[in-house]
Protein backbone atom coordinates (compact mmCIF):
# COMPACT_ATOMS: atom_id res chain seq x y z
CA MET A 1 17.69 108.24 37.32
CA ALA A 2 15.71 106.45 34.86
CA GLY A 3 17.86 103.34 33.53
CA MET A 4 20.21 103.31 36.30
CA ASN A 5 20.18 100.48 38.61
CA MET A 6 19.94 100.67 42.65
CA LYS A 7 23.50 101.04 43.13
CA GLU A 8 23.90 103.89 40.64
CA LYS A 9 20.79 105.49 41.85
CA GLN A 10 22.33 105.46 45.72
CA ASP A 11 25.50 106.78 44.32
CA MET A 12 23.84 109.75 42.33
CA CYS A 13 21.65 110.44 45.66
CA ARG A 14 24.52 110.61 47.99
CA PHE A 15 26.33 112.76 45.21
CA ILE A 16 23.58 115.28 45.23
CA LEU A 17 22.95 115.43 48.84
CA GLU A 18 26.92 115.94 49.60
CA THR A 19 27.11 118.64 46.77
CA ASN A 20 24.17 120.45 48.45
CA GLN A 21 25.90 120.33 51.96
CA GLU A 22 29.25 121.28 50.88
CA PHE A 23 27.91 124.20 48.67
CA GLY A 24 24.98 124.99 50.30
CA THR A 25 22.92 125.82 47.23
CA THR A 26 19.60 124.88 46.06
CA ILE A 27 19.44 121.92 43.98
CA VAL A 28 16.45 121.53 41.00
CA LEU A 29 15.86 117.98 40.79
CA ILE A 30 13.19 116.75 37.89
CA GLU A 31 12.70 112.93 38.61
CA HIS A 32 9.81 110.65 38.15
CA ASN A 33 10.73 108.15 40.83
CA MET A 34 8.25 108.88 43.68
CA GLY A 35 10.36 106.97 46.08
CA VAL A 36 13.80 109.38 45.29
CA VAL A 37 11.60 112.48 45.34
CA MET A 38 9.85 111.98 48.70
CA ASP A 39 13.04 110.75 50.59
CA PHE A 40 15.27 113.25 49.27
CA SER A 41 13.44 116.75 49.02
CA ASP A 42 12.69 119.32 51.43
CA ARG A 43 9.91 120.60 48.89
CA VAL A 44 8.11 119.13 46.06
CA VAL A 45 6.60 120.64 43.22
CA VAL A 46 4.08 118.88 41.13
CA LEU A 47 3.26 119.77 37.56
CA ASP A 48 0.48 117.86 35.56
CA TYR A 49 0.52 118.73 31.87
CA GLY A 50 2.48 122.03 32.72
CA LYS A 51 -0.13 122.81 35.54
CA LYS A 52 0.94 123.03 38.94
CA ILE A 53 -1.11 120.51 41.20
CA GLY A 54 1.09 120.37 44.11
CA ASP A 55 3.89 122.60 46.08
CA GLY A 56 4.67 121.88 49.77
CA THR A 57 6.71 119.19 51.93
CA PRO A 58 6.97 115.58 50.87
CA ASP A 59 3.96 114.76 53.41
CA GLU A 60 1.97 117.61 51.99
CA VAL A 61 2.21 116.71 48.55
CA LYS A 62 1.62 112.92 48.97
CA ASN A 63 -1.58 113.89 50.71
CA ASN A 64 -2.56 116.33 47.96
CA PRO A 65 -5.78 114.45 46.29
CA ASP A 66 -5.04 116.16 42.83
CA VAL A 67 -1.58 114.63 43.18
CA ILE A 68 -2.85 111.14 43.93
CA ARG A 69 -5.07 111.00 41.29
CA ALA A 70 -2.40 112.23 38.95
CA TYR A 71 0.64 110.28 39.97
CA LEU A 72 0.55 108.11 42.94
CA GLY A 73 -2.84 106.35 42.44
CA ALA A 74 -6.35 106.08 44.26
CA VAL A 75 -6.21 105.67 47.88
CA HIS A 76 -7.95 102.02 48.99
């Protein structure tokens, strides 16, 4: 969703959710906006230079020390 304004991001999220509900299919989303990823996903897989460093629910992933170091920043 890079380069999209807030309304465009909201519209895209709505489209993806409606498509998922209508067709009941799995959707693979590759996204770097952590807010979108964490709010939007049932399951998150995190890669760091091609190596899987996290896999689970958004809560599990955002509390994973490897993910925090690589993407979310140090906890203060």
